[in-house]
């Protein structure tokens, strides 16, 4: 965009306020900035991965108001006033969540690139269905691609984490 004097004008910034992993955050962003860019570049929350930038791989999956969302497709301005959870929210006090622990125990991480998105999609599932069956897990993870595991170990891990949900003092996915 050029001004009448021929200078390149920067787009106006928009102020957004959202809650990220329990912390209230305010940022000035260009209207075209994605939530993924805000999280990774603006807030340095690099657990959320930048994969295809087209919504095909699921590596950028985060929870917005508890629902899985592809952060590469959601503009940061559309997140204004909303609650965003990234993979960094899962471990507490240096202790892995039961879901993260199940991924480790079942060898579901492999290269790890898809893992954050898988964990967030599975966290949303476990919040809705405390003990999902294999078909429910596969359906919940359908938008998350993995090139390493063949999905069996990932499904095993989510089912195992679901089985642990009924234990006392356990939160689903946490």
C-alpha atoms as a PDB file:
ATOM      1  CA  UNK A   1       0.000   0.000   0.000  1.00  0.00           C
ATOM      2  CA  UNK A   2       1.457   3.377  -0.998  1.00  0.00           C
ATOM      3  CA  UNK A   3       0.615   6.770   0.453  1.00  0.00           C
ATOM      4  CA  UNK A   4      -0.089   9.763  -1.830  1.00  0.00           C
ATOM      5  CA  UNK A   5       3.592  10.726  -1.436  1.00  0.00           C
ATOM      6  CA  UNK A   6       4.628   7.335  -2.826  1.00  0.00           C
ATOM      7  CA  UNK A   7       5.870   5.999   0.531  1.00  0.00           C
ATOM      8  CA  UNK A   8       5.051   2.453   1.543  1.00  0.00           C
ATOM      9  CA  UNK A   9       2.513   2.639   4.352  1.00  0.00           C
ATOM     10  CA  UNK A  10       2.447  -0.044   7.003  1.00  0.00           C
ATOM     11  CA  UNK A  11      -0.931  -1.619   7.672  1.00  0.00           C
ATOM     12  CA  UNK A  12      -2.678  -0.390  10.792  1.00  0.00           C
ATOM     13  CA  UNK A  13      -2.124  -2.534  13.832  1.00  0.00           C
ATOM     14  CA  UNK A  14      -5.035  -3.984  15.729  1.00  0.00           C
ATOM     15  CA  UNK A  15      -4.886  -4.561  19.462  1.00  0.00           C
ATOM     16  CA  UNK A  16      -6.044  -7.991  20.593  1.00  0.00           C
ATOM     17  CA  UNK A  17      -6.406  -9.313  24.109  1.00  0.00           C
ATOM     18  CA  UNK A  18      -6.666 -13.026  24.702  1.00  0.00           C
ATOM     19  CA  UNK A  19      -5.926 -15.523  27.412  1.00  0.00           C
ATOM     20  CA  UNK A  20      -3.060 -17.816  26.441  1.00  0.00           C
ATOM     21  CA  UNK A  21      -2.347 -20.784  28.701  1.00  0.00           C
ATOM     22  CA  UNK A  22      -4.085 -18.981  31.553  1.00  0.00           C
ATOM     23  CA  UNK A  23      -2.268 -15.656  31.122  1.00  0.00           C
ATOM     24  CA  UNK A  24      -3.979 -12.552  29.790  1.00  0.00           C
ATOM     25  CA  UNK A  25      -2.015 -11.249  26.788  1.00  0.00           C
ATOM     26  CA  UNK A  26      -2.421  -8.031  24.823  1.00  0.00           C
ATOM     27  CA  UNK A  27      -0.654  -7.583  21.492  1.00  0.00           C
ATOM     28  CA  UNK A  28      -0.738  -5.166  18.574  1.00  0.00           C
ATOM     29  CA  UNK A  29      -0.864  -7.187  15.361  1.00  0.00           C
ATOM     30  CA  UNK A  30      -1.326  -6.516  11.661  1.00  0.00           C
ATOM     31  CA  UNK A  31      -4.835  -7.608  10.585  1.00  0.00           C
ATOM     32  CA  UNK A  32      -3.334 -10.360   8.417  1.00  0.00           C
ATOM     33  CA  UNK A  33      -1.276 -12.006  11.189  1.00  0.00           C
ATOM     34  CA  UNK A  34      -2.359 -15.532  12.033  1.00  0.00           C
ATOM     35  CA  UNK A  35      -2.777 -16.891  15.517  1.00  0.00           C
ATOM     36  CA  UNK A  36       0.120 -19.240  14.736  1.00  0.00           C
ATOM     37  CA  UNK A  37       2.402 -16.287  13.955  1.00  0.00           C
ATOM     38  CA  UNK A  38       1.314 -14.493  17.117  1.00  0.00           C
ATOM     39  CA  UNK A  39       1.978 -17.572  19.253  1.00  0.00           C
ATOM     40  CA  UNK A  40       5.332 -18.507  17.722  1.00  0.00           C
ATOM     41  CA  UNK A  41       6.825 -15.150  16.760  1.00  0.00           C
ATOM     42  CA  UNK A  42       5.078 -12.743  19.100  1.00  0.00           C
ATOM     43  CA  UNK A  43       4.782 -14.831  22.266  1.00  0.00           C
ATOM     44  CA  UNK A  44       7.670 -17.271  21.626  1.00  0.00           C
ATOM     45  CA  UNK A  45       5.439 -20.295  22.258  1.00  0.00           C
ATOM     46  CA  UNK A  46       7.198 -22.500  19.739  1.00  0.00           C
ATOM     47  CA  UNK A  47       5.630 -25.783  20.803  1.00  0.00           C
ATOM     48  CA  UNK A  48       2.898 -25.157  18.256  1.00  0.00           C
ATOM     49  CA  UNK A  49       4.459 -26.176  14.950  1.00  0.00           C
ATOM     50  CA  UNK A  50       4.267 -24.440  11.603  1.00  0.00           C
ATOM     51  CA  UNK A  51       3.652 -27.159   9.049  1.00  0.00           C
ATOM     52  CA  UNK A  52       1.816 -26.705   5.782  1.00  0.00           C
ATOM     53  CA  UNK A  53       0.277 -23.228   6.353  1.00  0.00           C
ATOM     54  CA  UNK A  54      -2.785 -24.519   4.500  1.00  0.00           C
ATOM     55  CA  UNK A  55      -4.744 -26.341   7.218  1.00  0.00           C
ATOM     56  CA  UNK A  56      -3.879 -29.780   5.886  1.00  0.00           C
ATOM     57  CA  UNK A  57      -1.443 -31.217   8.450  1.00  0.00           C
ATOM     58  CA  UNK A  58      -2.739 -30.264  11.914  1.00  0.00           C
ATOM     59  CA  UNK A  59       0.740 -29.505  13.312  1.00  0.00           C
ATOM     60  CA  UNK A  60      -0.493 -26.065  14.403  1.00  0.00           C
ATOM     61  CA  UNK A  61      -3.538 -27.334  16.314  1.00  0.00           C
ATOM     62  CA  UNK A  62      -4.307 -25.389  19.487  1.00  0.00           C
ATOM     63  CA  UNK A  63      -7.438 -25.174  21.588  1.00  0.00           C
ATOM     64  CA  UNK A  64      -9.542 -22.037  21.306  1.00  0.00           C
ATOM     65  CA  UNK A  65     -12.260 -21.958  23.940  1.00  0.00           C
ATOM     66  CA  UNK A  66     -11.658 -25.693  24.379  1.00  0.00           C
ATOM     67  CA  UNK A  67     -12.060 -26.656  20.721  1.00  0.00           C
ATOM     68  CA  UNK A  68      -9.258 -27.760  18.364  1.00  0.00           C
ATOM     69  CA  UNK A  69      -8.417 -25.038  15.850  1.00  0.00           C
ATOM     70  CA  UNK A  70      -5.788 -24.793  13.131  1.00  0.00           C
ATOM     71  CA  UNK A  71      -3.786 -21.758  14.210  1.00  0.00           C
ATOM     72  CA  UNK A  72      -2.355 -21.268  10.704  1.00  0.00           C
ATOM     73  CA  UNK A  73      -5.860 -20.529   9.390  1.00  0.00           C
ATOM     74  CA  UNK A  74      -7.202 -18.379  12.218  1.00  0.00           C
ATOM     75  CA  UNK A  75      -6.347 -14.705  12.208  1.00  0.00           C
ATOM     76  CA  UNK A  76      -5.059 -13.375  15.506  1.00  0.00           C
ATOM     77  CA  UNK A  77      -7.772 -10.694  15.466  1.00  0.00           C
ATOM     78  CA  UNK A  78     -10.393 -13.458  15.441  1.00  0.00           C
ATOM     79  CA  UNK A  79      -8.894 -14.704  18.727  1.00  0.00           C
ATOM     80  CA  UNK A  80      -9.595 -11.439  20.524  1.00  0.00           C
ATOM     81  CA  UNK A  81     -11.310 -12.127  23.837  1.00  0.00           C
ATOM     82  CA  UNK A  82     -10.890 -15.885  23.539  1.00  0.00           C
ATOM     83  CA  UNK A  83      -9.068 -18.523  25.590  1.00  0.00           C
ATOM     84  CA  UNK A  84      -6.172 -20.213  23.769  1.00  0.00           C
ATOM     85  CA  UNK A  85      -4.315 -23.278  25.026  1.00  0.00           C
ATOM     86  CA  UNK A  86      -1.091 -24.517  23.469  1.00  0.00           C
ATOM     87  CA  UNK A  87       0.933 -27.643  24.110  1.00  0.00           C
ATOM     88  CA  UNK A  88       2.933 -25.669  26.672  1.00  0.00           C
ATOM     89  CA  UNK A  89      -0.173 -25.676  28.901  1.00  0.00           C
ATOM     90  CA  UNK A  90      -0.230 -29.443  29.352  1.00  0.00           C
ATOM     91  CA  UNK A  91       2.716 -30.097  31.675  1.00  0.00           C
ATOM     92  CA  UNK A  92       2.335 -28.713  35.180  1.00  0.00           C
ATOM     93  CA  UNK A  93       5.260 -27.912  37.438  1.00  0.00           C
ATOM     94  CA  UNK A  94       7.661 -29.819  35.230  1.00  0.00           C
ATOM     95  CA  UNK A  95       5.476 -32.937  35.329  1.00  0.00           C
ATOM     96  CA  UNK A  96       4.040 -34.326  32.109  1.00  0.00           C
ATOM     97  CA  UNK A  97       0.289 -34.625  31.871  1.00  0.00           C
ATOM     98  CA  UNK A  98      -1.099 -38.188  31.836  1.00  0.00           C
ATOM     99  CA  UNK A  99      -1.647 -37.796  28.082  1.00  0.00           C
ATOM    100  CA  UNK A 100       1.939 -36.676  27.464  1.00  0.00           C
ATOM    101  CA  UNK A 101       3.173 -39.508  29.684  1.00  0.00           C
ATOM    102  CA  UNK A 102       1.100 -42.004  27.679  1.00  0.00           C
ATOM    103  CA  UNK A 103       2.662 -40.689  24.440  1.00  0.00           C
ATOM    104  CA  UNK A 104       6.122 -41.318  25.907  1.00  0.00           C
ATOM    105  CA  UNK A 105       5.250 -44.762  27.318  1.00  0.00           C
ATOM    106  CA  UNK A 106       3.692 -45.922  24.032  1.00  0.00           C
ATOM    107  CA  UNK A 107       6.415 -44.541  21.749  1.00  0.00           C
ATOM    108  CA  UNK A 108       3.907 -42.239  20.065  1.00  0.00           C
ATOM    109  CA  UNK A 109       6.255 -39.305  19.556  1.00  0.00           C
ATOM    110  CA  UNK A 110       8.757 -40.535  16.942  1.00  0.00           C
ATOM    111  CA  UNK A 111      10.206 -37.358  15.332  1.00  0.00           C
ATOM    112  CA  UNK A 112       7.841 -35.219  17.425  1.00  0.00           C
ATOM    113  CA  UNK A 113       6.828 -32.683  14.797  1.00  0.00           C
ATOM    114  CA  UNK A 114       3.160 -33.672  14.764  1.00  0.00           C
ATOM    115  CA  UNK A 115       3.047 -34.402  18.488  1.00  0.00           C
ATOM    116  CA  UNK A 116       1.906 -30.971  19.754  1.00  0.00           C
ATOM    117  CA  UNK A 117      -1.064 -30.921  17.397  1.00  0.00           C
ATOM    118  CA  UNK A 118      -1.924 -34.531  18.203  1.00  0.00           C
ATOM    119  CA  UNK A 119      -1.751 -33.788  21.931  1.00  0.00           C
ATOM    120  CA  UNK A 120      -4.052 -30.797  21.624  1.00  0.00           C
ATOM    121  CA  UNK A 121      -6.625 -32.653  19.507  1.00  0.00           C
ATOM    122  CA  UNK A 122      -6.501 -35.555  21.970  1.00  0.00           C
ATOM    123  CA  UNK A 123      -6.832 -33.180  24.936  1.00  0.00           C
ATOM    124  CA  UNK A 124     -10.056 -31.819  23.441  1.00  0.00           C
ATOM    125  CA  UNK A 125     -11.349 -35.351  22.888  1.00  0.00           C
ATOM    126  CA  UNK A 126     -10.539 -36.434  26.452  1.00  0.00           C
ATOM    127  CA  UNK A 127     -12.326 -33.363  27.795  1.00  0.00           C
ATOM    128  CA  UNK A 128     -15.483 -34.536  25.991  1.00  0.00           C
ATOM    129  CA  UNK A 129     -15.111 -38.327  26.263  1.00  0.00           C
ATOM    130  CA  UNK A 130     -13.319 -39.579  29.350  1.00  0.00           C
ATOM    131  CA  UNK A 131     -12.576 -43.040  28.013  1.00  0.00           C
ATOM    132  CA  UNK A 132     -12.719 -42.966  24.213  1.00  0.00           C
ATOM    133  CA  UNK A 133     -12.581 -46.066  22.060  1.00  0.00           C
ATOM    134  CA  UNK A 134     -10.167 -46.449  19.152  1.00  0.00           C
ATOM    135  CA  UNK A 135     -12.715 -45.245  16.574  1.00  0.00           C
ATOM    136  CA  UNK A 136     -13.389 -42.067  18.561  1.00  0.00           C
ATOM    137  CA  UNK A 137      -9.652 -41.393  18.854  1.00  0.00           C
ATOM    138  CA  UNK A 138      -9.093 -41.916  15.138  1.00  0.00           C
ATOM    139  CA  UNK A 139     -11.995 -39.572  14.323  1.00  0.00           C
ATOM    140  CA  UNK A 140     -10.678 -36.883  16.693  1.00  0.00           C
ATOM    141  CA  UNK A 141      -7.180 -37.116  15.182  1.00  0.00           C
ATOM    142  CA  UNK A 142      -8.319 -37.291  11.546  1.00  0.00           C
ATOM    143  CA  UNK A 143      -7.050 -33.772  10.846  1.00  0.00           C
ATOM    144  CA  UNK A 144      -3.584 -34.447  12.253  1.00  0.00           C
ATOM    145  CA  UNK A 145      -1.049 -36.021   9.926  1.00  0.00           C
ATOM    146  CA  UNK A 146       1.907 -38.117  11.066  1.00  0.00           C
ATOM    147  CA  UNK A 147       4.530 -39.426   8.702  1.00  0.00           C
ATOM    148  CA  UNK A 148       6.426 -41.545  11.244  1.00  0.00           C
ATOM    149  CA  UNK A 149       4.213 -43.688  13.470  1.00  0.00           C
ATOM    150  CA  UNK A 150       1.442 -45.088  11.323  1.00  0.00           C
ATOM    151  CA  UNK A 151      -0.937 -43.797  14.040  1.00  0.00           C
ATOM    152  CA  UNK A 152      -1.206 -47.096  15.960  1.00  0.00           C
ATOM    153  CA  UNK A 153       1.041 -45.960  18.798  1.00  0.00           C
ATOM    154  CA  UNK A 154      -0.668 -42.569  18.933  1.00  0.00           C
ATOM    155  CA  UNK A 155      -4.121 -44.167  19.169  1.00  0.00           C
ATOM    156  CA  UNK A 156      -2.808 -46.583  21.811  1.00  0.00           C
ATOM    157  CA  UNK A 157      -1.482 -43.663  23.849  1.00  0.00           C
ATOM    158  CA  UNK A 158      -4.732 -41.689  23.741  1.00  0.00           C
ATOM    159  CA  UNK A 159      -6.798 -44.758  24.663  1.00  0.00           C
ATOM    160  CA  UNK A 160      -4.417 -45.459  27.555  1.00  0.00           C
ATOM    161  CA  UNK A 161      -4.645 -41.857  28.752  1.00  0.00           C
ATOM    162  CA  UNK A 162      -8.419 -42.159  28.617  1.00  0.00           C
ATOM    163  CA  UNK A 163      -8.282 -45.258  30.764  1.00  0.00           C
ATOM    164  CA  UNK A 164      -6.348 -43.239  33.343  1.00  0.00           C
ATOM    165  CA  UNK A 165      -9.007 -40.509  33.392  1.00  0.00           C
ATOM    166  CA  UNK A 166     -11.051 -42.336  35.970  1.00  0.00           C
ATOM    167  CA  UNK A 167      -8.229 -42.321  38.507  1.00  0.00           C
ATOM    168  CA  UNK A 168      -8.700 -39.997  41.486  1.00  0.00           C
ATOM    169  CA  UNK A 169      -7.338 -36.452  41.163  1.00  0.00           C
ATOM    170  CA  UNK A 170      -6.774 -36.799  37.421  1.00  0.00           C
ATOM    171  CA  UNK A 171      -8.015 -34.259  34.883  1.00  0.00           C
ATOM    172  CA  UNK A 172      -8.648 -35.457  31.310  1.00  0.00           C
ATOM    173  CA  UNK A 173      -5.596 -34.791  29.154  1.00  0.00           C
ATOM    174  CA  UNK A 174      -3.776 -33.101  32.024  1.00  0.00           C
END
